[in-house]
C-alpha atoms as a PDB file:
ATOM      1  CA  MET A   1     -15.464  18.597 -10.452  1.00  0.00           C
ATOM      2  CA  PRO A   2     -11.689  19.126 -10.135  1.00  0.00           C
ATOM      3  CA  ASN A   3      -9.440  19.033 -13.167  1.00  0.00           C
ATOM      4  CA  LEU A   4      -7.030  16.281 -12.182  1.00  0.00           C
ATOM      5  CA  LEU A   5      -3.568  16.590 -13.636  1.00  0.00           C
ATOM      6  CA  CYS A   6      -2.195  13.127 -12.950  1.00  0.00           C
ATOM      7  CA  LEU A   7      -1.844  10.163 -10.667  1.00  0.00           C
ATOM      8  CA  GLN A   8       1.855  10.550  -9.897  1.00  0.00           C
ATOM      9  CA  GLY A   9       2.531   7.297  -8.103  1.00  0.00           C
ATOM     10  CA  LEU A  10       2.233   5.571  -4.756  1.00  0.00           C
ATOM     11  CA  ILE A  11       3.576   5.821  -1.211  1.00  0.00           C
ATOM     12  CA  ARG A  12       4.530   2.532   0.455  1.00  0.00           C
ATOM     13  CA  ASN A  13       5.452   2.168   4.115  1.00  0.00           C
ATOM     14  CA  CYS A  14       8.382  -0.015   5.086  1.00  0.00           C
ATOM     15  CA  SER A  15      10.282  -1.128   8.166  1.00  0.00           C
ATOM     16  CA  ASP A  16      13.691  -1.303   6.440  1.00  0.00           C
ATOM     17  CA  LEU A  17      14.013   1.659   4.082  1.00  0.00           C
ATOM     18  CA  ASP A  18      17.489   0.805   2.805  1.00  0.00           C
ATOM     19  CA  GLY A  19      16.667  -2.857   2.251  1.00  0.00           C
ATOM     20  CA  LEU A  20      13.437  -2.235   0.359  1.00  0.00           C
ATOM     21  CA  LYS A  21      14.925   0.650  -1.628  1.00  0.00           C
ATOM     22  CA  ASN A  22      17.793  -1.565  -2.766  1.00  0.00           C
ATOM     23  CA  TRP A  23      15.374  -4.362  -3.712  1.00  0.00           C
ATOM     24  CA  TYR A  24      13.346  -2.083  -6.003  1.00  0.00           C
ATOM     25  CA  VAL A  25      16.522  -0.688  -7.561  1.00  0.00           C
ATOM     26  CA  GLU A  26      18.278  -4.023  -8.061  1.00  0.00           C
ATOM     27  CA  GLN A  27      15.353  -6.284  -8.970  1.00  0.00           C
ATOM     28  CA  LEU A  28      13.064  -3.887 -10.840  1.00  0.00           C
ATOM     29  CA  GLY A  29      15.393  -1.157 -12.091  1.00  0.00           C
ATOM     30  CA  LEU A  30      13.871   1.845 -10.333  1.00  0.00           C
ATOM     31  CA  THR A  31      16.233   4.803  -9.870  1.00  0.00           C
ATOM     32  CA  LEU A  32      16.738   6.824  -6.709  1.00  0.00           C
ATOM     33  CA  ALA A  33      15.666  10.456  -7.182  1.00  0.00           C
ATOM     34  CA  TRP A  34      16.246  11.653  -3.611  1.00  0.00           C
ATOM     35  CA  GLU A  35      16.328  10.503  -0.007  1.00  0.00           C
ATOM     36  CA  GLN A  36      15.869  12.535   3.169  1.00  0.00           C
ATOM     37  CA  ARG A  37      14.629  12.680   6.741  1.00  0.00           C
ATOM     38  CA  CYS A  38      11.651  14.989   7.237  1.00  0.00           C
ATOM     39  CA  THR A  39      11.089  16.629  10.611  1.00  0.00           C
ATOM     40  CA  ALA A  40       8.181  19.047  10.954  1.00  0.00           C
ATOM     41  CA  ALA A  41       4.679  19.486  12.336  1.00  0.00           C
ATOM     42  CA  TRP A  42       3.126  18.878   8.910  1.00  0.00           C
ATOM     43  CA  ILE A  43       3.707  15.119   9.273  1.00  0.00           C
ATOM     44  CA  SER A  44       1.081  14.588  11.978  1.00  0.00           C
ATOM     45  CA  GLU A  45      -1.230  17.124  10.296  1.00  0.00           C
ATOM     46  CA  LEU A  46      -1.102  15.369   6.924  1.00  0.00           C
ATOM     47  CA  PHE A  47      -1.271  11.865   8.416  1.00  0.00           C
ATOM     48  CA  PRO A  48      -3.712  12.250  11.340  1.00  0.00           C
ATOM     49  CA  GLY A  49      -3.270   9.941  14.290  1.00  0.00           C
ATOM     50  CA  THR A  50       0.393   9.173  13.691  1.00  0.00           C
ATOM     51  CA  VAL A  51       1.925  11.606  16.237  1.00  0.00           C
ATOM     52  CA  ALA A  52       5.233  11.416  14.397  1.00  0.00           C
ATOM     53  CA  ALA A  53       7.958  14.047  14.549  1.00  0.00           C
ATOM     54  CA  SER A  54      10.002  12.568  11.710  1.00  0.00           C
ATOM     55  CA  LEU A  55       9.816  10.467   8.570  1.00  0.00           C
ATOM     56  CA  ASP A  56      12.539   8.754   6.576  1.00  0.00           C
ATOM     57  CA  CYS A  57      11.570   8.943   2.930  1.00  0.00           C
ATOM     58  CA  CYS A  58      12.961   8.261  -0.523  1.00  0.00           C
ATOM     59  CA  ALA A  59      11.573   8.710  -4.021  1.00  0.00           C
ATOM     60  CA  LEU A  60      12.203   6.057  -6.675  1.00  0.00           C
ATOM     61  CA  ARG A  61      11.477   6.791 -10.326  1.00  0.00           C
ATOM     62  CA  LEU A  62      10.308   4.407 -13.030  1.00  0.00           C
ATOM     63  CA  GLY A  63       9.452   6.068 -16.325  1.00  0.00           C
ATOM     64  CA  GLN A  64       7.083   8.923 -15.569  1.00  0.00           C
ATOM     65  CA  GLU A  65       5.893   7.499 -12.227  1.00  0.00           C
ATOM     66  CA  THR A  66       7.254   7.711  -8.675  1.00  0.00           C
ATOM     67  CA  LEU A  67       7.267   5.187  -5.847  1.00  0.00           C
ATOM     68  CA  TRP A  68       7.824   6.809  -2.454  1.00  0.00           C
ATOM     69  CA  LEU A  69       9.070   4.595   0.378  1.00  0.00           C
ATOM     70  CA  MET A  70       8.494   5.858   3.916  1.00  0.00           C
ATOM     71  CA  SER A  71       9.668   4.613   7.280  1.00  0.00           C
ATOM     72  CA  TRP A  72       8.348   5.911  10.607  1.00  0.00           C
ATOM     73  CA  PRO A  73      11.265   5.714  13.093  1.00  0.00           C
ATOM     74  CA  GLU A  74       9.254   6.895  16.126  1.00  0.00           C
ATOM     75  CA  VAL A  75       6.080   4.899  15.479  1.00  0.00           C
ATOM     76  CA  LEU A  76       5.300   1.258  16.227  1.00  0.00           C
ATOM     77  CA  MET A  77       4.336   0.207  12.712  1.00  0.00           C
ATOM     78  CA  GLN A  78       1.664  -2.471  12.511  1.00  0.00           C
ATOM     79  CA  PRO A  79       2.851  -5.511  10.526  1.00  0.00           C
ATOM     80  CA  MET A  80       1.286  -6.837   7.353  1.00  0.00           C
ATOM     81  CA  PRO A  81      -1.882  -8.855   7.985  1.00  0.00           C
ATOM     82  CA  ALA A  82      -1.127 -12.571   7.863  1.00  0.00           C
ATOM     83  CA  ALA A  83      -2.098 -14.536   4.751  1.00  0.00           C
ATOM     84  CA  THR A  84      -3.313 -11.521   2.765  1.00  0.00           C
ATOM     85  CA  ARG A  85      -5.307 -12.464  -0.337  1.00  0.00           C
ATOM     86  CA  GLY A  86      -6.447 -10.408  -3.310  1.00  0.00           C
ATOM     87  CA  ILE A  87     -10.044 -10.522  -2.067  1.00  0.00           C
ATOM     88  CA  ASP A  88      -9.134  -8.672   1.162  1.00  0.00           C
ATOM     89  CA  HIS A  89     -10.173  -5.046   0.910  1.00  0.00           C
ATOM     90  CA  TRP A  90      -6.805  -3.698   2.040  1.00  0.00           C
ATOM     91  CA  PHE A  91      -5.111  -5.444  -0.916  1.00  0.00           C
ATOM     92  CA  GLN A  92      -3.431  -3.034  -3.343  1.00  0.00           C
ATOM     93  CA  HIS A  93      -0.865  -3.779  -6.015  1.00  0.00           C
ATOM     94  CA  ILE A  94       1.107  -1.664  -8.430  1.00  0.00           C
ATOM     95  CA  CYS A  95       1.348  -2.915 -12.003  1.00  0.00           C
ATOM     96  CA  LEU A  96       4.703  -2.504 -13.759  1.00  0.00           C
ATOM     97  CA  VAL A  97       4.968  -2.972 -17.525  1.00  0.00           C
ATOM     98  CA  SER A  98       7.702  -5.035 -19.204  1.00  0.00           C
ATOM     99  CA  ASP A  99       8.441  -5.766 -22.865  1.00  0.00           C
ATOM    100  CA  ALA A 100       9.697  -9.290 -22.030  1.00  0.00           C
ATOM    101  CA  LEU A 101       7.821 -10.483 -18.967  1.00  0.00           C
ATOM    102  CA  GLU A 102       8.949 -14.091 -18.831  1.00  0.00           C
ATOM    103  CA  ARG A 103      12.600 -13.099 -19.126  1.00  0.00           C
ATOM    104  CA  ALA A 104      12.264 -10.359 -16.504  1.00  0.00           C
ATOM    105  CA  TYR A 105      10.510 -12.648 -14.045  1.00  0.00           C
ATOM    106  CA  ALA A 106      12.946 -15.525 -14.514  1.00  0.00           C
ATOM    107  CA  GLU A 107      16.102 -13.400 -14.366  1.00  0.00           C
ATOM    108  CA  ARG A 108      15.174 -10.672 -11.878  1.00  0.00           C
ATOM    109  CA  LEU A 109      12.364 -11.843  -9.622  1.00  0.00           C
ATOM    110  CA  GLN A 110      11.709 -15.569  -9.380  1.00  0.00           C
ATOM    111  CA  GLY A 111      14.335 -16.145  -6.723  1.00  0.00           C
ATOM    112  CA  ALA A 112      13.982 -12.746  -5.062  1.00  0.00           C
ATOM    113  CA  CYS A 113      10.280 -12.504  -4.246  1.00  0.00           C
ATOM    114  CA  ARG A 114       7.398 -14.430  -2.718  1.00  0.00           C
ATOM    115  CA  PRO A 115       4.991 -15.412  -5.508  1.00  0.00           C
ATOM    116  CA  ILE A 116       1.247 -14.847  -5.593  1.00  0.00           C
ATOM    117  CA  SER A 117       0.785 -16.430  -9.028  1.00  0.00           C
ATOM    118  CA  THR A 118       1.700 -20.045  -9.675  1.00  0.00           C
ATOM    119  CA  ALA A 119       3.541 -18.863 -12.830  1.00  0.00           C
ATOM    120  CA  PRO A 120       3.240 -16.094 -15.448  1.00  0.00           C
ATOM    121  CA  GLN A 121      -0.144 -16.313 -17.189  1.00  0.00           C
ATOM    122  CA  THR A 122      -1.488 -15.328 -20.618  1.00  0.00           C
ATOM    123  CA  LEU A 123      -5.122 -14.232 -20.436  1.00  0.00           C
ATOM    124  CA  PRO A 124      -7.439 -16.174 -22.766  1.00  0.00           C
ATOM    125  CA  GLU A 125      -8.766 -15.168 -26.188  1.00  0.00           C
ATOM    126  CA  TRP A 126     -12.431 -15.163 -25.089  1.00  0.00           C
ATOM    127  CA  ASN A 127     -11.663 -12.238 -22.768  1.00  0.00           C
ATOM    128  CA  ARG A 128     -11.694  -9.509 -25.409  1.00  0.00           C
ATOM    129  CA  GLY A 129     -10.554  -6.675 -23.168  1.00  0.00           C
ATOM    130  CA  ALA A 130      -7.585  -8.602 -21.772  1.00  0.00           C
ATOM    131  CA  ALA A 131      -6.850 -11.281 -24.395  1.00  0.00           C
ATOM    132  CA  GLY A 132      -3.142 -11.886 -24.889  1.00  0.00           C
ATOM    133  CA  ILE A 133      -2.021  -9.882 -21.865  1.00  0.00           C
ATOM    134  CA  GLN A 134       0.718 -11.650 -19.902  1.00  0.00           C
ATOM    135  CA  ALA A 135       0.858 -11.080 -16.156  1.00  0.00           C
ATOM    136  CA  VAL A 136       2.346 -12.389 -12.931  1.00  0.00           C
ATOM    137  CA  LYS A 137       1.774 -11.262  -9.335  1.00  0.00           C
ATOM    138  CA  PHE A 138       4.183 -11.406  -6.401  1.00  0.00           C
ATOM    139  CA  PHE A 139       5.146  -9.752  -3.106  1.00  0.00           C
ATOM    140  CA  ASP A 140       8.167  -7.547  -2.447  1.00  0.00           C
ATOM    141  CA  LEU A 141      10.544  -8.095   0.483  1.00  0.00           C
ATOM    142  CA  GLU A 142       8.095  -6.664   3.030  1.00  0.00           C
ATOM    143  CA  GLY A 143       4.915  -8.204   1.657  1.00  0.00           C
ATOM    144  CA  HIS A 144       3.584  -5.444  -0.617  1.00  0.00           C
ATOM    145  CA  PRO A 145       1.854  -6.860  -3.724  1.00  0.00           C
ATOM    146  CA  LEU A 146       3.044  -6.126  -7.265  1.00  0.00           C
ATOM    147  CA  GLU A 147       2.100  -7.201 -10.761  1.00  0.00           C
ATOM    148  CA  LEU A 148       4.377  -7.428 -13.786  1.00  0.00           C
ATOM    149  CA  LEU A 149       2.498  -7.163 -17.076  1.00  0.00           C
ATOM    150  CA  GLN A 150       3.204  -7.294 -20.802  1.00  0.00           C
ATOM    151  CA  PHE A 151       0.706  -5.883 -23.308  1.00  0.00           C
ATOM    152  CA  PRO A 152       0.229  -7.522 -26.715  1.00  0.00           C
ATOM    153  CA  PRO A 153       0.126  -5.304 -29.823  1.00  0.00           C
ATOM    154  CA  GLY A 154      -2.968  -3.120 -29.870  1.00  0.00           C
ATOM    155  CA  LYS A 155      -3.488  -3.028 -26.104  1.00  0.00           C
ATOM    156  CA  GLY A 156      -2.208  -0.572 -23.521  1.00  0.00           C
ATOM    157  CA  ALA A 157      -0.927   2.984 -23.886  1.00  0.00           C
ATOM    158  CA  PRO A 158       1.406   3.780 -26.821  1.00  0.00           C
ATOM    159  CA  ARG A 159       4.328   4.317 -24.450  1.00  0.00           C
ATOM    160  CA  TRP A 160       4.334   0.608 -23.586  1.00  0.00           C
ATOM    161  CA  HIS A 161       5.080  -0.263 -27.221  1.00  0.00           C
ATOM    162  CA  ALA A 162       7.814   2.292 -27.921  1.00  0.00           C
ATOM    163  CA  ASP A 163      11.520   1.413 -28.163  1.00  0.00           C
ATOM    164  CA  HIS A 164      11.347  -2.284 -27.280  1.00  0.00           C
ATOM    165  CA  ASP A 165      14.747  -3.723 -26.438  1.00  0.00           C
ATOM    166  CA  GLY A 166      13.667  -7.145 -25.167  1.00  0.00           C
ATOM    167  CA  SER A 167      15.481  -6.708 -21.853  1.00  0.00           C
ATOM    168  CA  GLY A 168      12.335  -7.038 -19.784  1.00  0.00           C
ATOM    169  CA  GLN A 169      13.310  -3.959 -17.757  1.00  0.00           C
ATOM    170  CA  PRO A 170      10.062  -2.464 -16.376  1.00  0.00           C
ATOM    171  CA  ARG A 171       9.249   0.847 -18.075  1.00  0.00           C
ATOM    172  CA  GLY A 172       6.726   2.426 -15.736  1.00  0.00           C
ATOM    173  CA  ILE A 173       3.601   1.896 -13.664  1.00  0.00           C
ATOM    174  CA  ASP A 174       0.437   1.289 -15.672  1.00  0.00           C
ATOM    175  CA  HIS A 175      -1.959   1.348 -12.726  1.00  0.00           C
ATOM    176  CA  THR A 176      -2.529   0.586  -9.101  1.00  0.00           C
ATOM    177  CA  ALA A 177      -5.265  -1.970  -8.408  1.00  0.00           C
ATOM    178  CA  ILE A 178      -7.358  -1.936  -5.235  1.00  0.00           C
ATOM    179  CA  SER A 179      -9.642  -4.612  -3.862  1.00  0.00           C
ATOM    180  CA  ILE A 180     -13.062  -3.115  -3.111  1.00  0.00           C
ATOM    181  CA  ALA A 181     -16.406  -4.146  -1.609  1.00  0.00           C
ATOM    182  CA  ASP A 182     -18.781  -2.203  -3.879  1.00  0.00           C
ATOM    183  CA  THR A 183     -18.093  -0.816  -7.363  1.00  0.00           C
ATOM    184  CA  THR A 184     -20.910   1.757  -7.297  1.00  0.00           C
ATOM    185  CA  ILE A 185     -19.781   3.261  -3.999  1.00  0.00           C
ATOM    186  CA  SER A 186     -16.137   3.344  -5.094  1.00  0.00           C
ATOM    187  CA  LEU A 187     -17.150   5.091  -8.336  1.00  0.00           C
ATOM    188  CA  SER A 188     -18.867   7.767  -6.249  1.00  0.00           C
ATOM    189  CA  PHE A 189     -15.576   8.454  -4.499  1.00  0.00           C
ATOM    190  CA  TYR A 190     -13.096   8.243  -7.382  1.00  0.00           C
ATOM    191  CA  GLY A 191     -15.403   9.462 -10.137  1.00  0.00           C
ATOM    192  CA  GLU A 192     -17.851  11.944  -8.649  1.00  0.00           C
ATOM    193  CA  LEU A 193     -15.654  13.373  -5.885  1.00  0.00           C
ATOM    194  CA  LEU A 194     -12.145  13.166  -7.358  1.00  0.00           C
ATOM    195  CA  GLY A 195     -12.995  13.307 -11.050  1.00  0.00           C
ATOM    196  CA  LEU A 196     -11.308  10.201 -12.476  1.00  0.00           C
ATOM    197  CA  GLN A 197     -12.878   8.914 -15.682  1.00  0.00           C
ATOM    198  CA  ARG A 198     -14.053   5.356 -16.219  1.00  0.00           C
ATOM    199  CA  VAL A 199     -12.159   4.006 -19.241  1.00  0.00           C
ATOM    200  CA  GLY A 200     -12.814   0.269 -19.307  1.00  0.00           C
ATOM    201  CA  GLY A 201     -13.384  -2.942 -17.437  1.00  0.00           C
ATOM    202  CA  GLY A 202     -14.464  -6.537 -17.660  1.00  0.00           C
ATOM    203  CA  LEU A 203     -15.118  -9.767 -15.801  1.00  0.00           C
ATOM    204  CA  ASN A 204     -12.099 -12.055 -15.432  1.00  0.00           C
ATOM    205  CA  HIS A 205     -12.406 -15.715 -14.480  1.00  0.00           C
ATOM    206  CA  GLY A 206     -11.193 -19.167 -15.409  1.00  0.00           C
ATOM    207  CA  PRO A 207      -8.057 -21.227 -14.720  1.00  0.00           C
ATOM    208  CA  GLU A 208      -5.705 -18.451 -15.850  1.00  0.00           C
ATOM    209  CA  GLN A 209      -7.248 -16.023 -13.360  1.00  0.00           C
ATOM    210  CA  ASP A 210      -7.058 -18.604 -10.567  1.00  0.00           C
ATOM    211  CA  ALA A 211      -3.361 -19.141 -11.285  1.00  0.00           C
ATOM    212  CA  LEU A 212      -2.686 -15.401 -11.572  1.00  0.00           C
ATOM    213  CA  ASP A 213      -4.392 -14.520  -8.287  1.00  0.00           C
ATOM    214  CA  GLY A 214      -3.423 -17.635  -6.330  1.00  0.00           C
ATOM    215  CA  LEU A 215      -7.117 -18.301  -5.627  1.00  0.00           C
ATOM    216  CA  GLU A 216      -9.714 -20.956  -6.414  1.00  0.00           C
ATOM    217  CA  SER A 217     -12.795 -20.143  -8.518  1.00  0.00           C
ATOM    218  CA  ALA A 218     -11.733 -16.506  -8.881  1.00  0.00           C
ATOM    219  CA  ARG A 219     -14.307 -14.269 -10.527  1.00  0.00           C
ATOM    220  CA  VAL A 220     -13.367 -10.594 -10.448  1.00  0.00           C
ATOM    221  CA  GLU A 221     -15.127  -7.557 -11.895  1.00  0.00           C
ATOM    222  CA  ILE A 222     -12.515  -5.034 -13.032  1.00  0.00           C
ATOM    223  CA  THR A 223     -13.200  -1.321 -13.483  1.00  0.00           C
ATOM    224  CA  ALA A 224     -10.448   0.892 -14.933  1.00  0.00           C
ATOM    225  CA  LEU A 225     -10.204   4.647 -14.302  1.00  0.00           C
ATOM    226  CA  GLN A 226      -7.755   7.356 -15.354  1.00  0.00           C
ATOM    227  CA  ALA A 227      -7.105  11.024 -14.667  1.00  0.00           C
ATOM    228  CA  GLN A 228      -5.603  11.619 -18.125  1.00  0.00           C
ATOM    229  CA  PRO A 229      -5.118   9.352 -21.188  1.00  0.00           C
ATOM    230  CA  GLY A 230      -1.843   7.452 -21.227  1.00  0.00           C
ATOM    231  CA  GLN A 231      -1.076   8.105 -17.568  1.00  0.00           C
ATOM    232  CA  MET A 232      -1.084   5.797 -14.570  1.00  0.00           C
ATOM    233  CA  GLY A 233      -4.610   4.745 -13.637  1.00  0.00           C
ATOM    234  CA  VAL A 234      -6.613   3.036 -10.907  1.00  0.00           C
ATOM    235  CA  GLU A 235      -8.308  -0.358 -11.219  1.00  0.00           C
ATOM    236  CA  PHE A 236     -11.044  -1.675  -8.957  1.00  0.00           C
ATOM    237  CA  LEU A 237     -10.922  -5.395  -8.167  1.00  0.00           C
ATOM    238  CA  HIS A 238     -14.411  -6.442  -7.058  1.00  0.00           C
ATOM    239  CA  TYR A 239     -14.263 -10.160  -6.347  1.00  0.00           C
ATOM    240  CA  GLN A 240     -17.582 -11.926  -6.813  1.00  0.00           C
ATOM    241  CA  SER A 241     -15.847 -15.193  -5.929  1.00  0.00           C
ATOM    242  CA  PRO A 242     -14.363 -16.400  -3.682  1.00  0.00           C
ATOM    243  CA  ARG A 243     -16.215 -14.547  -0.964  1.00  0.00           C
ATOM    244  CA  GLY A 244     -14.986 -13.757   2.521  1.00  0.00           C
ATOM    245  CA  GLY A 245     -12.703 -10.805   1.809  1.00  0.00           C
ATOM    246  CA  MET A 246     -11.758  -9.003   5.014  1.00  0.00           C
ATOM    247  CA  SER A 247     -11.861  -5.239   5.607  1.00  0.00           C
ATOM    248  CA  ARG A 248      -9.623  -2.921   7.612  1.00  0.00           C
ATOM    249  CA  ALA A 249     -11.054  -2.114  11.025  1.00  0.00           C
ATOM    250  CA  ASP A 250      -8.516   0.433  12.269  1.00  0.00           C
ATOM    251  CA  ALA A 251      -6.584   1.981   9.386  1.00  0.00           C
ATOM    252  CA  ARG A 252      -3.487   3.973  10.326  1.00  0.00           C
ATOM    253  CA  TRP A 253      -1.224   5.897   7.979  1.00  0.00           C
ATOM    254  CA  SER A 254       1.837   4.198   9.471  1.00  0.00           C
ATOM    255  CA  ASP A 255       0.613   0.607   8.980  1.00  0.00           C
ATOM    256  CA  LEU A 256       2.866  -1.430   6.706  1.00  0.00           C
ATOM    257  CA  VAL A 257      -0.177  -2.411   4.643  1.00  0.00           C
ATOM    258  CA  ASN A 258      -1.139   1.231   4.078  1.00  0.00           C
ATOM    259  CA  ASP A 259      -0.432   2.283   0.484  1.00  0.00           C
ATOM    260  CA  THR A 260      -1.297   5.861  -0.490  1.00  0.00           C
ATOM    261  CA  MET A 261      -1.986   7.062  -4.031  1.00  0.00           C
ATOM    262  CA  VAL A 262      -0.514  10.491  -4.828  1.00  0.00           C
ATOM    263  CA  ILE A 263      -2.757  12.544  -7.125  1.00  0.00           C
ATOM    264  CA  GLN A 264      -1.865  16.017  -8.362  1.00  0.00           C
ATOM    265  CA  ALA A 265      -4.899  18.243  -8.908  1.00  0.00           C
ATOM    266  CA  ASP A 266      -5.829  21.754  -9.910  1.00  0.00           C
ATOM    267  CA  GLY A 267      -8.044  23.698  -7.515  1.00  0.00           C
ATOM    268  CA  ILE A 268      -6.711  21.958  -4.416  1.00  0.00           C
ATOM    269  CA  ARG A 269      -8.532  24.302  -2.021  1.00  0.00           C
ATOM    270  CA  ASP A 270     -11.894  23.724  -3.713  1.00  0.00           C
ATOM    271  CA  LEU A 271     -11.285  19.980  -3.803  1.00  0.00           C
ATOM    272  CA  HIS A 272     -10.476  19.983  -0.092  1.00  0.00           C
ATOM    273  CA  ALA A 273     -13.731  21.822   0.634  1.00  0.00           C
ATOM    274  CA  ARG A 274     -15.643  19.249  -1.442  1.00  0.00           C
ATOM    275  CA  ALA A 275     -13.980  16.391   0.437  1.00  0.00           C
ATOM    276  CA  GLN A 276     -14.887  17.955   3.779  1.00  0.00           C
ATOM    277  CA  ALA A 277     -18.531  18.092   2.677  1.00  0.00           C
ATOM    278  CA  SER A 278     -18.535  14.518   1.322  1.00  0.00           C
ATOM    279  CA  PRO A 279     -19.580  11.233   2.972  1.00  0.00           C
ATOM    280  CA  TRP A 280     -15.853  10.555   3.531  1.00  0.00           C
ATOM    281  CA  ALA A 281     -15.169  13.752   5.503  1.00  0.00           C
ATOM    282  CA  GLN A 282     -14.280  11.850   8.687  1.00  0.00           C
ATOM    283  CA  HIS A 283     -11.097  10.633   6.978  1.00  0.00           C
ATOM    284  CA  CYS A 284     -10.146  14.011   5.478  1.00  0.00           C
ATOM    285  CA  SER A 285      -7.092  15.754   6.952  1.00  0.00           C
ATOM    286  CA  SER A 286      -6.565  19.485   7.149  1.00  0.00           C
ATOM    287  CA  LEU A 287      -5.020  21.247   4.145  1.00  0.00           C
ATOM    288  CA  VAL A 288      -1.283  21.272   4.843  1.00  0.00           C
ATOM    289  CA  SER A 289       1.647  23.291   3.478  1.00  0.00           C
ATOM    290  CA  LEU A 290       4.186  20.792   2.139  1.00  0.00           C
ATOM    291  CA  PRO A 291       7.945  21.077   1.674  1.00  0.00           C
ATOM    292  CA  LEU A 292       8.846  21.064  -1.999  1.00  0.00           C
ATOM    293  CA  PRO A 293       9.644  18.891  -3.891  1.00  0.00           C
ATOM    294  CA  LEU A 294       8.483  16.107  -1.564  1.00  0.00           C
ATOM    295  CA  PHE A 295       5.193  15.163  -3.259  1.00  0.00           C
ATOM    296  CA  GLY A 296       5.094  17.659  -6.130  1.00  0.00           C
ATOM    297  CA  GLY A 297       2.756  20.272  -4.666  1.00  0.00           C
ATOM    298  CA  GLU A 298       2.727  23.215  -2.269  1.00  0.00           C
ATOM    299  CA  LEU A 299      -0.459  22.092  -0.514  1.00  0.00           C
ATOM    300  CA  GLY A 300      -1.873  18.677   0.229  1.00  0.00           C
ATOM    301  CA  PHE A 301      -4.389  16.678   2.203  1.00  0.00           C
ATOM    302  CA  THR A 302      -5.089  13.003   2.810  1.00  0.00           C
ATOM    303  CA  LEU A 303      -8.339  11.148   2.416  1.00  0.00           C
ATOM    304  CA  ARG A 304      -9.540   7.563   2.624  1.00  0.00           C
ATOM    305  CA  ASP A 305     -11.796   5.853   0.114  1.00  0.00           C
ATOM    306  CA  PRO A 306     -14.812   3.685   1.077  1.00  0.00           C
ATOM    307  CA  ASP A 307     -12.526   0.692   1.740  1.00  0.00           C
ATOM    308  CA  LEU A 308      -9.962   2.845   3.611  1.00  0.00           C
ATOM    309  CA  HIS A 309      -7.332   2.871   0.852  1.00  0.00           C
ATOM    310  CA  GLY A 310      -5.245   6.023   1.262  1.00  0.00           C
ATOM    311  CA  VAL A 311      -5.153   8.990  -1.115  1.00  0.00           C
ATOM    312  CA  LEU A 312      -2.893  12.057  -0.948  1.00  0.00           C
ATOM    313  CA  LEU A 313      -4.021  14.991  -3.085  1.00  0.00           C
ATOM    314  CA  VAL A 314      -1.510  17.745  -3.815  1.00  0.00           C
ATOM    315  CA  GLY A 315      -1.596  20.988  -5.758  1.00  0.00           C
ATOM    316  CA  GLU A 316      -0.353  24.538  -6.069  1.00  0.00           C
ATOM    317  CA  ASP A 317      -1.581  27.372  -3.838  1.00  0.00           C
ATOM    318  CA  ARG A 318      -3.408  29.456  -6.430  1.00  0.00           C
END
């Protein structure tokens, strides 16, 4: 099993790089680390099926995590699926942590986003694992889902409770959450193949969950995984109700809905060999030499999980 170093962040595709970059900077306080146009053969090798000679890309930092925005100028990007819901298996949000959620949402986001939640919610006391957590979900300018969350004392990583200033400014990304069809199968991919550790979970339901997810009779099994304690993690969202979640039929790396987790790992060559011998080998790219410091590693390859969520694994050539 590989020794994962960290989940570094997420790649999001966009049609208007400048517009979406400015939205994340102005509304959520991310900072621009770099911006560039990439032109090389590695693009179509790393993202099979795209046949792209160039990428416009920028890296936005928030705390210790990175959000990469990518635009494909030579590719006809498929639009977001209409009326996406959290139960659809392409759904993926990133969860940003605030120390004053209601203030941040009212002042920064309420008039600048499309809501998923009816209003910010506080999860109920009976839900021991999540009691007292405040959360609200919404879409960015191009329809990518996000969650803003505030942990009560005693919950969440220590970094979310350090140096409170009450501004509501998001401090980092706690996790990315993915809608899945089967928890056991997804654990085989993220746990057995990639080496993430299961660190928690629960079953969320009730009026607060309905309002948070913008659904009726929501009942969702949550499974939390991490590469390392205190770092960004992955959450599975397995909706038991409502049913009818749709799956991706033809996933392409350039689709607007395609988010890609970026995971840095030791032993990248061995991990690539394991992926090629796994049940998910058909979605495994070749091992590609990457320009530094694009994704934080000399070598990388892409892979898709059982629900076709994207993963980019990077590491050093040693």
